[in-house]
PDB file of all heavy atoms in Angstrom:
ATOM      1  N   TYR A   1     358.421  62.989 228.481  1.00  0.00           N
ATOM      2  CA  TYR A   1     359.288  62.360 229.465  1.00  0.00           C
ATOM      3  C   TYR A   1     359.038  62.916 230.887  1.00  0.00           C
ATOM      4  O   TYR A   1     359.039  62.179 231.854  1.00  0.00           O
ATOM      5  CB  TYR A   1     360.748  62.583 229.068  1.00  0.00           C
ATOM      6  CG  TYR A   1     361.754  62.019 230.037  1.00  0.00           C
ATOM      7  CD1 TYR A   1     361.980  60.630 230.087  1.00  0.00           C
ATOM      8  CD2 TYR A   1     362.463  62.835 230.904  1.00  0.00           C
ATOM      9  CE1 TYR A   1     362.900  60.096 230.986  1.00  0.00           C
ATOM     10  CE2 TYR A   1     363.372  62.295 231.804  1.00  0.00           C
ATOM     11  CZ  TYR A   1     363.586  60.928 231.832  1.00  0.00           C
ATOM     12  OH  TYR A   1     364.483  60.407 232.727  1.00  0.00           O
ATOM     13  N   ARG A   2     358.793  64.219 230.981  1.00  0.00           N
ATOM     14  CA  ARG A   2     358.602  64.850 232.294  1.00  0.00           C
ATOM     15  C   ARG A   2     357.127  65.039 232.652  1.00  0.00           C
ATOM     16  O   ARG A   2     356.796  65.679 233.640  1.00  0.00           O
ATOM     17  CB  ARG A   2     359.330  66.192 232.301  1.00  0.00           C
ATOM     18  CG  ARG A   2     360.839  65.986 232.315  1.00  0.00           C
ATOM     19  CD  ARG A   2     361.606  67.281 232.269  1.00  0.00           C
ATOM     20  NE  ARG A   2     363.037  67.055 232.402  1.00  0.00           N
ATOM     21  CZ  ARG A   2     363.828  66.701 231.400  1.00  0.00           C
ATOM     22  NH1 ARG A   2     363.348  66.502 230.193  1.00  0.00           N
ATOM     23  NH2 ARG A   2     365.135  66.533 231.607  1.00  0.00           N
ATOM     24  N   LYS A   3     356.244  64.494 231.812  1.00  0.00           N
ATOM     25  CA  LYS A   3     354.793  64.559 232.042  1.00  0.00           C
ATOM     26  C   LYS A   3     354.275  65.992 232.172  1.00  0.00           C
ATOM     27  O   LYS A   3     353.507  66.316 233.084  1.00  0.00           O
ATOM     28  CB  LYS A   3     354.412  63.694 233.244  1.00  0.00           C
ATOM     29  CG  LYS A   3     354.694  62.229 233.051  1.00  0.00           C
ATOM     30  CD  LYS A   3     354.334  61.422 234.259  1.00  0.00           C
ATOM     31  CE  LYS A   3     354.521  59.961 234.102  1.00  0.00           C
ATOM     32  NZ  LYS A   3     355.681  59.445 233.473  1.00  0.00           N
ATOM     33  N   VAL A   4     354.717  66.846 231.273  1.00  0.00           N
ATOM     34  CA  VAL A   4     354.252  68.236 231.215  1.00  0.00           C
ATOM     35  C   VAL A   4     353.291  68.341 230.027  1.00  0.00           C
ATOM     36  O   VAL A   4     353.617  67.901 228.938  1.00  0.00           O
ATOM     37  CB  VAL A   4     355.450  69.200 231.000  1.00  0.00           C
ATOM     38  CG1 VAL A   4     354.961  70.633 230.822  1.00  0.00           C
ATOM     39  CG2 VAL A   4     356.417  69.113 232.174  1.00  0.00           C
ATOM     40  N   PRO A   5     352.097  68.917 230.221  1.00  0.00           N
ATOM     41  CA  PRO A   5     351.186  69.085 229.084  1.00  0.00           C
ATOM     42  C   PRO A   5     351.838  69.887 227.961  1.00  0.00           C
ATOM     43  O   PRO A   5     352.564  70.860 228.213  1.00  0.00           O
ATOM     44  CB  PRO A   5     350.002  69.844 229.674  1.00  0.00           C
ATOM     45  CG  PRO A   5     350.067  69.565 231.135  1.00  0.00           C
ATOM     46  CD  PRO A   5     351.524  69.407 231.463  1.00  0.00           C
ATOM     47  N   TYR A   6     351.591  69.462 226.725  1.00  0.00           N
ATOM     48  CA  TYR A   6     352.208  70.070 225.543  1.00  0.00           C
ATOM     49  C   TYR A   6     351.120  70.363 224.522  1.00  0.00           C
ATOM     50  O   TYR A   6     350.213  69.558 224.320  1.00  0.00           O
ATOM     51  CB  TYR A   6     353.221  69.062 224.975  1.00  0.00           C
ATOM     52  CG  TYR A   6     353.761  69.410 223.598  1.00  0.00           C
ATOM     53  CD1 TYR A   6     354.816  70.258 223.462  1.00  0.00           C
ATOM     54  CD2 TYR A   6     353.153  68.890 222.459  1.00  0.00           C
ATOM     55  CE1 TYR A   6     355.322  70.572 222.203  1.00  0.00           C
ATOM     56  CE2 TYR A   6     353.646  69.181 221.197  1.00  0.00           C
ATOM     57  CZ  TYR A   6     354.722  70.032 221.067  1.00  0.00           C
ATOM     58  OH  TYR A   6     355.192  70.353 219.841  1.00  0.00           O
ATOM     59  N   ALA A   7     351.208  71.523 223.886  1.00  0.00           N
ATOM     60  CA  ALA A   7     350.258  71.876 222.830  1.00  0.00           C
ATOM     61  C   ALA A   7     350.984  72.614 221.704  1.00  0.00           C
ATOM     62  O   ALA A   7     351.943  73.332 221.952  1.00  0.00           O
ATOM     63  CB  ALA A   7     349.159  72.747 223.396  1.00  0.00           C
ATOM     64  N   GLU A   8     350.495  72.394 220.489  1.00  0.00           N
ATOM     65  CA  GLU A   8     350.955  73.187 219.360  1.00  0.00           C
ATOM     66  C   GLU A   8     349.795  74.098 218.997  1.00  0.00           C
ATOM     67  O   GLU A   8     348.666  73.645 218.814  1.00  0.00           O
ATOM     68  CB  GLU A   8     351.303  72.269 218.162  1.00  0.00           C
ATOM     69  CG  GLU A   8     352.537  71.434 218.437  1.00  0.00           C
ATOM     70  CD  GLU A   8     352.830  70.461 217.297  1.00  0.00           C
ATOM     71  OE1 GLU A   8     352.263  70.598 216.200  1.00  0.00           O
ATOM     72  OE2 GLU A   8     353.643  69.561 217.538  1.00  0.00           O
ATOM     73  N   TYR A   9     350.092  75.405 218.978  1.00  0.00           N
ATOM     74  CA  TYR A   9     349.004  76.361 218.773  1.00  0.00           C
ATOM     75  C   TYR A   9     349.509  77.633 218.136  1.00  0.00           C
ATOM     76  O   TYR A   9     350.599  78.100 218.439  1.00  0.00           O
ATOM     77  CB  TYR A   9     348.344  76.698 220.124  1.00  0.00           C
ATOM     78  CG  TYR A   9     347.078  77.486 219.990  1.00  0.00           C
ATOM     79  CD1 TYR A   9     345.893  76.865 219.621  1.00  0.00           C
ATOM     80  CD2 TYR A   9     347.073  78.848 220.196  1.00  0.00           C
ATOM     81  CE1 TYR A   9     344.724  77.582 219.472  1.00  0.00           C
ATOM     82  CE2 TYR A   9     345.916  79.592 220.052  1.00  0.00           C
ATOM     83  CZ  TYR A   9     344.741  78.932 219.699  1.00  0.00           C
ATOM     84  OH  TYR A   9     343.598  79.657 219.535  1.00  0.00           O
ATOM     85  N   ALA A  10     348.707  78.214 217.275  1.00  0.00           N
ATOM     86  CA  ALA A  10     348.973  79.494 216.618  1.00  0.00           C
ATOM     87  C   ALA A  10     350.262  79.460 215.816  1.00  0.00           C
ATOM     88  O   ALA A  10     350.896  78.433 215.653  1.00  0.00           O
ATOM     89  CB  ALA A  10     348.957  80.634 217.628  1.00  0.00           C
ATOM     90  N   ASP A  11     350.640  80.620 215.310  1.00  0.00           N
ATOM     91  CA  ASP A  11     351.908  80.713 214.590  1.00  0.00           C
ATOM     92  C   ASP A  11     352.899  81.533 215.452  1.00  0.00           C
ATOM     93  O   ASP A  11     352.495  82.115 216.480  1.00  0.00           O
ATOM     94  CB  ASP A  11     351.746  81.340 213.208  1.00  0.00           C
ATOM     95  CG  ASP A  11     351.051  82.680 213.240  1.00  0.00           C
ATOM     96  OD1 ASP A  11     351.455  83.548 214.055  1.00  0.00           O
ATOM     97  OD2 ASP A  11     350.120  82.901 212.471  1.00  0.00           O
ATOM     98  N   LYS A  12     354.138  81.563 215.047  1.00  0.00           N
ATOM     99  CA  LYS A  12     355.173  82.257 215.833  1.00  0.00           C
ATOM    100  C   LYS A  12     354.842  83.716 216.091  1.00  0.00           C
ATOM    101  O   LYS A  12     355.023  84.214 217.214  1.00  0.00           O
ATOM    102  CB  LYS A  12     356.536  82.183 215.141  1.00  0.00           C
ATOM    103  CG  LYS A  12     357.134  80.809 215.044  1.00  0.00           C
ATOM    104  CD  LYS A  12     358.453  80.876 214.271  1.00  0.00           C
ATOM    105  CE  LYS A  12     358.916  79.536 213.822  1.00  0.00           C
ATOM    106  NZ  LYS A  12     360.142  79.656 213.002  1.00  0.00           N
ATOM    107  N   THR A  13     354.344  84.385 215.078  1.00  0.00           N
ATOM    108  CA  THR A  13     354.031  85.808 215.201  1.00  0.00           C
ATOM    109  C   THR A  13     352.881  86.022 216.196  1.00  0.00           C
ATOM    110  O   THR A  13     352.968  86.881 217.075  1.00  0.00           O
ATOM    111  CB  THR A  13     353.679  86.398 213.836  1.00  0.00           C
ATOM    112  OG1 THR A  13     354.761  86.164 212.941  1.00  0.00           O
ATOM    113  CG2 THR A  13     353.433  87.901 213.926  1.00  0.00           C
ATOM    114  N   SER A  14     351.805  85.256 216.083  1.00  0.00           N
ATOM    115  CA  SER A  14     350.667  85.400 216.988  1.00  0.00           C
ATOM    116  C   SER A  14     351.032  85.044 218.420  1.00  0.00           C
ATOM    117  O   SER A  14     350.622  85.714 219.361  1.00  0.00           O
ATOM    118  CB  SER A  14     349.516  84.477 216.532  1.00  0.00           C
ATOM    119  OG  SER A  14     349.072  84.838 215.255  1.00  0.00           O
ATOM    120  N   LEU A  15     351.815  83.990 218.593  1.00  0.00           N
ATOM    121  CA  LEU A  15     352.245  83.572 219.904  1.00  0.00           C
ATOM    122  C   LEU A  15     353.098  84.663 220.553  1.00  0.00           C
ATOM    123  O   LEU A  15     352.906  85.017 221.714  1.00  0.00           O
ATOM    124  CB  LEU A  15     353.027  82.242 219.805  1.00  0.00           C
ATOM    125  CG  LEU A  15     353.034  81.308 220.980  1.00  0.00           C
ATOM    126  CD1 LEU A  15     351.620  80.952 221.426  1.00  0.00           C
ATOM    127  CD2 LEU A  15     353.798  80.053 220.642  1.00  0.00           C
ATOM    128  N   GLY A  16     354.043  85.197 219.794  1.00  0.00           N
ATOM    129  CA  GLY A  16     354.893  86.262 220.313  1.00  0.00           C
ATOM    130  C   GLY A  16     354.113  87.521 220.610  1.00  0.00           C
ATOM    131  O   GLY A  16     354.284  88.134 221.655  1.00  0.00           O
ATOM    132  N   HIS A  17     353.216  87.896 219.708  1.00  0.00           N
ATOM    133  CA  HIS A  17     352.422  89.114 219.890  1.00  0.00           C
ATOM    134  C   HIS A  17     351.559  89.018 221.153  1.00  0.00           C
ATOM    135  O   HIS A  17     351.406  89.992 221.874  1.00  0.00           O
ATOM    136  CB  HIS A  17     351.530  89.349 218.654  1.00  0.00           C
ATOM    137  CG  HIS A  17     350.725  90.586 218.722  1.00  0.00           C
ATOM    138  ND1 HIS A  17     351.276  91.851 218.659  1.00  0.00           N
ATOM    139  CD2 HIS A  17     349.385  90.771 218.911  1.00  0.00           C
ATOM    140  CE1 HIS A  17     350.318  92.734 218.784  1.00  0.00           C
ATOM    141  NE2 HIS A  17     349.175  92.116 218.929  1.00  0.00           N
ATOM    142  N   ALA A  18     351.029  87.815 221.423  1.00  0.00           N
ATOM    143  CA  ALA A  18     350.175  87.620 222.596  1.00  0.00           C
ATOM    144  C   ALA A  18     350.912  87.899 223.905  1.00  0.00           C
ATOM    145  O   ALA A  18     350.318  88.350 224.879  1.00  0.00           O
ATOM    146  CB  ALA A  18     349.629  86.200 222.613  1.00  0.00           C
ATOM    147  N   ILE A  19     352.230  87.643 223.910  1.00  0.00           N
ATOM    148  CA  ILE A  19     352.991  87.849 225.144  1.00  0.00           C
ATOM    149  C   ILE A  19     353.854  89.116 225.102  1.00  0.00           C
ATOM    150  O   ILE A  19     354.728  89.310 225.944  1.00  0.00           O
ATOM    151  CB  ILE A  19     353.865  86.613 225.488  1.00  0.00           C
ATOM    152  CG1 ILE A  19     354.900  86.338 224.396  1.00  0.00           C
ATOM    153  CG2 ILE A  19     352.998  85.394 225.740  1.00  0.00           C
ATOM    154  CD1 ILE A  19     355.932  85.302 224.760  1.00  0.00           C
ATOM    155  N   GLY A  20     353.589  89.946 224.088  1.00  0.00           N
ATOM    156  CA  GLY A  20     354.294  91.226 224.024  1.00  0.00           C
ATOM    157  C   GLY A  20     355.683  91.157 223.413  1.00  0.00           C
ATOM    158  O   GLY A  20     356.530  92.023 223.667  1.00  0.00           O
ATOM    159  N   LYS A  21     355.941  90.153 222.614  1.00  0.00           N
ATOM    160  CA  LYS A  21     357.258  89.983 221.944  1.00  0.00           C
ATOM    161  C   LYS A  21     357.019  90.019 220.439  1.00  0.00           C
ATOM    162  O   LYS A  21     355.886  89.996 219.962  1.00  0.00           O
ATOM    163  CB  LYS A  21     357.910  88.663 222.338  1.00  0.00           C
ATOM    164  CG  LYS A  21     358.025  88.410 223.826  1.00  0.00           C
ATOM    165  CD  LYS A  21     359.087  89.276 224.417  1.00  0.00           C
ATOM    166  CE  LYS A  21     359.195  88.943 225.932  1.00  0.00           C
ATOM    167  NZ  LYS A  21     360.128  89.770 226.597  1.00  0.00           N
ATOM    168  N   GLU A  22     358.120  90.025 219.667  1.00  0.00           N
ATOM    169  CA  GLU A  22     357.980  90.059 218.225  1.00  0.00           C
ATOM    170  C   GLU A  22     357.474  88.718 217.695  1.00  0.00           C
ATOM    171  O   GLU A  22     356.453  88.654 217.018  1.00  0.00           O
ATOM    172  CB  GLU A  22     359.307  90.397 217.573  1.00  0.00           C
ATOM    173  CG  GLU A  22     359.187  90.662 216.093  1.00  0.00           C
ATOM    174  CD  GLU A  22     360.471  91.172 215.483  1.00  0.00           C
ATOM    175  OE1 GLU A  22     361.295  91.760 216.217  1.00  0.00           O
ATOM    176  OE2 GLU A  22     360.658  90.969 214.297  1.00  0.00           O
ATOM    177  N   PHE A  23     358.173  87.636 217.960  1.00  0.00           N
ATOM    178  CA  PHE A  23     357.703  86.290 217.622  1.00  0.00           C
ATOM    179  C   PHE A  23     358.375  85.303 218.534  1.00  0.00           C
ATOM    180  O   PHE A  23     359.468  85.539 219.024  1.00  0.00           O
ATOM    181  CB  PHE A  23     357.965  85.952 216.132  1.00  0.00           C
ATOM    182  CG  PHE A  23     359.408  85.968 215.748  1.00  0.00           C
ATOM    183  CD1 PHE A  23     360.187  84.828 215.874  1.00  0.00           C
ATOM    184  CD2 PHE A  23     359.978  87.113 215.237  1.00  0.00           C
ATOM    185  CE1 PHE A  23     361.513  84.839 215.505  1.00  0.00           C
ATOM    186  CE2 PHE A  23     361.321  87.140 214.866  1.00  0.00           C
ATOM    187  CZ  PHE A  23     362.083  85.997 214.995  1.00  0.00           C
ATOM    188  N   ARG A  24     357.702  84.210 218.793  1.00  0.00           N
ATOM    189  CA  ARG A  24     358.211  83.154 219.680  1.00  0.00           C
ATOM    190  C   ARG A  24     357.767  81.803 219.150  1.00  0.00           C
ATOM    191  O   ARG A  24     356.614  81.616 218.795  1.00  0.00           O
ATOM    192  CB  ARG A  24     357.693  83.300 221.116  1.00  0.00           C
ATOM    193  CG  ARG A  24     358.321  84.430 221.899  1.00  0.00           C
ATOM    194  CD  ARG A  24     359.806  84.135 222.140  1.00  0.00           C
ATOM    195  NE  ARG A  24     360.418  85.119 222.978  1.00  0.00           N
ATOM    196  CZ  ARG A  24     361.112  86.170 222.549  1.00  0.00           C
ATOM    197  NH1 ARG A  24     361.229  86.390 221.252  1.00  0.00           N
ATOM    198  NH2 ARG A  24     361.665  87.004 223.379  1.00  0.00           N
ATOM    199  N   ALA A  25     358.692  80.842 219.127  1.00  0.00           N
ATOM    200  CA  ALA A  25     358.376  79.492 218.687  1.00  0.00           C
ATOM    201  C   ALA A  25     357.907  78.631 219.861  1.00  0.00           C
ATOM    202  O   ALA A  25     357.183  77.646 219.668  1.00  0.00           O
ATOM    203  CB  ALA A  25     359.577  78.837 218.027  1.00  0.00           C
ATOM    204  N   SER A  26     358.319  78.985 221.073  1.00  0.00           N
ATOM    205  CA  SER A  26     357.940  78.168 222.233  1.00  0.00           C
ATOM    206  C   SER A  26     357.814  79.018 223.488  1.00  0.00           C
ATOM    207  O   SER A  26     358.448  80.062 223.621  1.00  0.00           O
ATOM    208  CB  SER A  26     358.988  77.068 222.459  1.00  0.00           C
ATOM    209  OG  SER A  26     360.234  77.652 222.748  1.00  0.00           O
ATOM    210  N   LEU A  27     356.957  78.556 224.384  1.00  0.00           N
ATOM    211  CA  LEU A  27     356.816  79.209 225.670  1.00  0.00           C
ATOM    212  C   LEU A  27     356.349  78.197 226.699  1.00  0.00           C
ATOM    213  O   LEU A  27     355.780  77.160 226.372  1.00  0.00           O
ATOM    214  CB  LEU A  27     355.866  80.400 225.601  1.00  0.00           C
ATOM    215  CG  LEU A  27     354.415  80.206 225.172  1.00  0.00           C
ATOM    216  CD1 LEU A  27     353.536  79.774 226.332  1.00  0.00           C
ATOM    217  CD2 LEU A  27     353.875  81.511 224.609  1.00  0.00           C
ATOM    218  N   ALA A  28     356.613  78.513 227.966  1.00  0.00           N
ATOM    219  CA  ALA A  28     356.179  77.644 229.071  1.00  0.00           C
ATOM    220  C   ALA A  28     355.399  78.497 230.067  1.00  0.00           C
ATOM    221  O   ALA A  28     355.759  79.629 230.348  1.00  0.00           O
ATOM    222  CB  ALA A  28     357.381  77.013 229.760  1.00  0.00           C
ATOM    223  N   VAL A  29     354.306  77.913 230.580  1.00  0.00           N
ATOM    224  CA  VAL A  29     353.504  78.569 231.613  1.00  0.00           C
ATOM    225  C   VAL A  29     353.971  78.020 232.959  1.00  0.00           C
ATOM    226  O   VAL A  29     354.011  76.805 233.147  1.00  0.00           O
ATOM    227  CB  VAL A  29     351.992  78.279 231.401  1.00  0.00           C
ATOM    228  CG1 VAL A  29     351.151  78.984 232.454  1.00  0.00           C
ATOM    229  CG2 VAL A  29     351.549  78.667 229.996  1.00  0.00           C
ATOM    230  N   THR A  30     354.338  78.931 233.859  1.00  0.00           N
ATOM    231  CA  THR A  30     354.906  78.497 235.149  1.00  0.00           C
ATOM    232  C   THR A  30     353.920  78.519 236.305  1.00  0.00           C
ATOM    233  O   THR A  30     354.284  78.149 237.419  1.00  0.00           O
ATOM    234  CB  THR A  30     356.118  79.374 235.498  1.00  0.00           C
ATOM    235  OG1 THR A  30     355.701  80.742 235.577  1.00  0.00           O
ATOM    236  CG2 THR A  30     357.226  79.224 234.469  1.00  0.00           C
ATOM    237  N   ASP A  31     352.685  78.925 236.056  1.00  0.00           N
ATOM    238  CA  ASP A  31     351.670  78.955 237.094  1.00  0.00           C
ATOM    239  C   ASP A  31     350.657  77.830 236.795  1.00  0.00           C
ATOM    240  O   ASP A  31     350.095  77.781 235.713  1.00  0.00           O
ATOM    241  CB  ASP A  31     350.943  80.304 237.145  1.00  0.00           C
ATOM    242  CG  ASP A  31     349.862  80.346 238.213  1.00  0.00           C
ATOM    243  OD1 ASP A  31     350.227  80.566 239.387  1.00  0.00           O
ATOM    244  OD2 ASP A  31     348.682  80.168 237.852  1.00  0.00           O
ATOM    245  N   GLU A  32     350.413  76.979 237.773  1.00  0.00           N
ATOM    246  CA  GLU A  32     349.561  75.817 237.570  1.00  0.00           C
ATOM    247  C   GLU A  32     348.109  76.194 237.195  1.00  0.00           C
ATOM    248  O   GLU A  32     347.515  75.622 236.294  1.00  0.00           O
ATOM    249  CB  GLU A  32     349.557  74.938 238.821  1.00  0.00           C
ATOM    250  CG  GLU A  32     348.822  73.634 238.665  1.00  0.00           C
ATOM    251  CD  GLU A  32     348.950  72.716 239.853  1.00  0.00           C
ATOM    252  OE1 GLU A  32     349.543  73.108 240.876  1.00  0.00           O
ATOM    253  OE2 GLU A  32     348.450  71.587 239.746  1.00  0.00           O
ATOM    254  N   ASN A  33     347.543  77.177 237.914  1.00  0.00           N
ATOM    255  CA  ASN A  33     346.167  77.563 237.655  1.00  0.00           C
ATOM    256  C   ASN A  33     345.992  78.195 236.269  1.00  0.00           C
ATOM    257  O   ASN A  33     345.010  77.935 235.578  1.00  0.00           O
ATOM    258  CB  ASN A  33     345.640  78.504 238.747  1.00  0.00           C
ATOM    259  CG  ASN A  33     345.512  77.783 240.062  1.00  0.00           C
ATOM    260  OD1 ASN A  33     345.135  76.609 240.112  1.00  0.00           O
ATOM    261  ND2 ASN A  33     345.827  78.470 241.152  1.00  0.00           N
ATOM    262  N   LEU A  34     346.926  79.059 235.879  1.00  0.00           N
ATOM    263  CA  LEU A  34     346.858  79.660 234.565  1.00  0.00           C
ATOM    264  C   LEU A  34     347.055  78.609 233.485  1.00  0.00           C
ATOM    265  O   LEU A  34     346.415  78.647 232.418  1.00  0.00           O
ATOM    266  CB  LEU A  34     347.888  80.775 234.416  1.00  0.00           C
ATOM    267  CG  LEU A  34     347.562  82.070 235.164  1.00  0.00           C
ATOM    268  CD1 LEU A  34     348.772  83.013 235.175  1.00  0.00           C
ATOM    269  CD2 LEU A  34     346.355  82.757 234.549  1.00  0.00           C
ATOM    270  N   ALA A  35     347.915  77.624 233.740  1.00  0.00           N
ATOM    271  CA  ALA A  35     348.131  76.535 232.778  1.00  0.00           C
ATOM    272  C   ALA A  35     346.827  75.752 232.583  1.00  0.00           C
ATOM    273  O   ALA A  35     346.447  75.432 231.457  1.00  0.00           O
ATOM    274  CB  ALA A  35     349.242  75.605 233.258  1.00  0.00           C
ATOM    275  N   LYS A  36     346.115  75.478 233.681  1.00  0.00           N
ATOM    276  CA  LYS A  36     344.829  74.762 233.592  1.00  0.00           C
ATOM    277  C   LYS A  36     343.812  75.582 232.800  1.00  0.00           C
ATOM    278  O   LYS A  36     343.061  75.025 231.999  1.00  0.00           O
ATOM    279  CB  LYS A  36     344.294  74.451 234.985  1.00  0.00           C
ATOM    280  CG  LYS A  36     345.039  73.339 235.677  1.00  0.00           C
ATOM    281  CD  LYS A  36     344.480  73.106 237.076  1.00  0.00           C
ATOM    282  CE  LYS A  36     345.290  72.088 237.833  1.00  0.00           C
ATOM    283  NZ  LYS A  36     344.802  71.927 239.221  1.00  0.00           N
ATOM    284  N   LEU A  37     343.782  76.874 233.051  1.00  0.00           N
ATOM    285  CA  LEU A  37     342.859  77.750 232.325  1.00  0.00           C
ATOM    286  C   LEU A  37     343.158  77.751 230.823  1.00  0.00           C
ATOM    287  O   LEU A  37     342.247  77.633 229.993  1.00  0.00           O
ATOM    288  CB  LEU A  37     342.937  79.180 232.899  1.00  0.00           C
ATOM    289  CG  LEU A  37     341.994  80.208 232.286  1.00  0.00           C
ATOM    290  CD1 LEU A  37     340.537  79.795 232.458  1.00  0.00           C
ATOM    291  CD2 LEU A  37     342.230  81.569 232.948  1.00  0.00           C
ATOM    292  N   ILE A  38     344.430  77.828 230.466  1.00  0.00           N
ATOM    293  CA  ILE A  38     344.812  77.814 229.053  1.00  0.00           C
ATOM    294  C   ILE A  38     344.468  76.468 228.430  1.00  0.00           C
ATOM    295  O   ILE A  38     343.957  76.386 227.309  1.00  0.00           O
ATOM    296  CB  ILE A  38     346.307  78.172 228.868  1.00  0.00           C
ATOM    297  CG1 ILE A  38     346.561  79.605 229.273  1.00  0.00           C
ATOM    298  CG2 ILE A  38     346.748  77.926 227.427  1.00  0.00           C
ATOM    299  CD1 ILE A  38     348.025  80.002 229.385  1.00  0.00           C
ATOM    300  N   LEU A  39     344.714  75.369 229.150  1.00  0.00           N
ATOM    301  CA  LEU A  39     344.349  74.051 228.645  1.00  0.00           C
ATOM    302  C   LEU A  39     342.847  73.928 228.405  1.00  0.00           C
ATOM    303  O   LEU A  39     342.422  73.375 227.397  1.00  0.00           O
ATOM    304  CB  LEU A  39     344.805  72.959 229.629  1.00  0.00           C
ATOM    305  CG  LEU A  39     346.283  72.583 229.569  1.00  0.00           C
ATOM    306  CD1 LEU A  39     346.654  71.702 230.746  1.00  0.00           C
ATOM    307  CD2 LEU A  39     346.587  71.875 228.252  1.00  0.00           C
ATOM    308  N   ASN A  40     342.044  74.496 229.308  1.00  0.00           N
ATOM    309  CA  ASN A  40     340.598  74.494 229.113  1.00  0.00           C
ATOM    310  C   ASN A  40     340.226  75.264 227.857  1.00  0.00           C
ATOM    311  O   ASN A  40     339.366  74.807 227.075  1.00  0.00           O
ATOM    312  CB  ASN A  40     339.877  75.112 230.330  1.00  0.00           C
ATOM    313  CG  ASN A  40     339.872  74.185 231.508  1.00  0.00           C
ATOM    314  OD1 ASN A  40     340.027  72.977 231.372  1.00  0.00           O
ATOM    315  ND2 ASN A  40     339.695  74.750 232.697  1.00  0.00           N
ATOM    316  N   LYS A  41     340.853  76.403 227.625  1.00  0.00           N
ATOM    317  CA  LYS A  41     340.569  77.190 226.417  1.00  0.00           C
ATOM    318  C   LYS A  41     341.011  76.440 225.177  1.00  0.00           C
ATOM    319  O   LYS A  41     340.351  76.500 224.132  1.00  0.00           O
ATOM    320  CB  LYS A  41     341.251  78.573 226.483  1.00  0.00           C
ATOM    321  CG  LYS A  41     340.772  79.456 227.627  1.00  0.00           C
ATOM    322  CD  LYS A  41     339.309  79.758 227.507  1.00  0.00           C
ATOM    323  CE  LYS A  41     338.822  80.616 228.669  1.00  0.00           C
ATOM    324  NZ  LYS A  41     337.377  80.714 228.761  1.00  0.00           N
TER     325      LYS A  41
END
């Protein structure tokens, strides 16, 4: 609806561990350039 890129990736534990948390089901990237870099990866 808001035209924000969306991806399903990894599991909750891996996603959380990557950002220094225990586990996370969702996250948002707030920097445009970093978001583009992650999309490329």
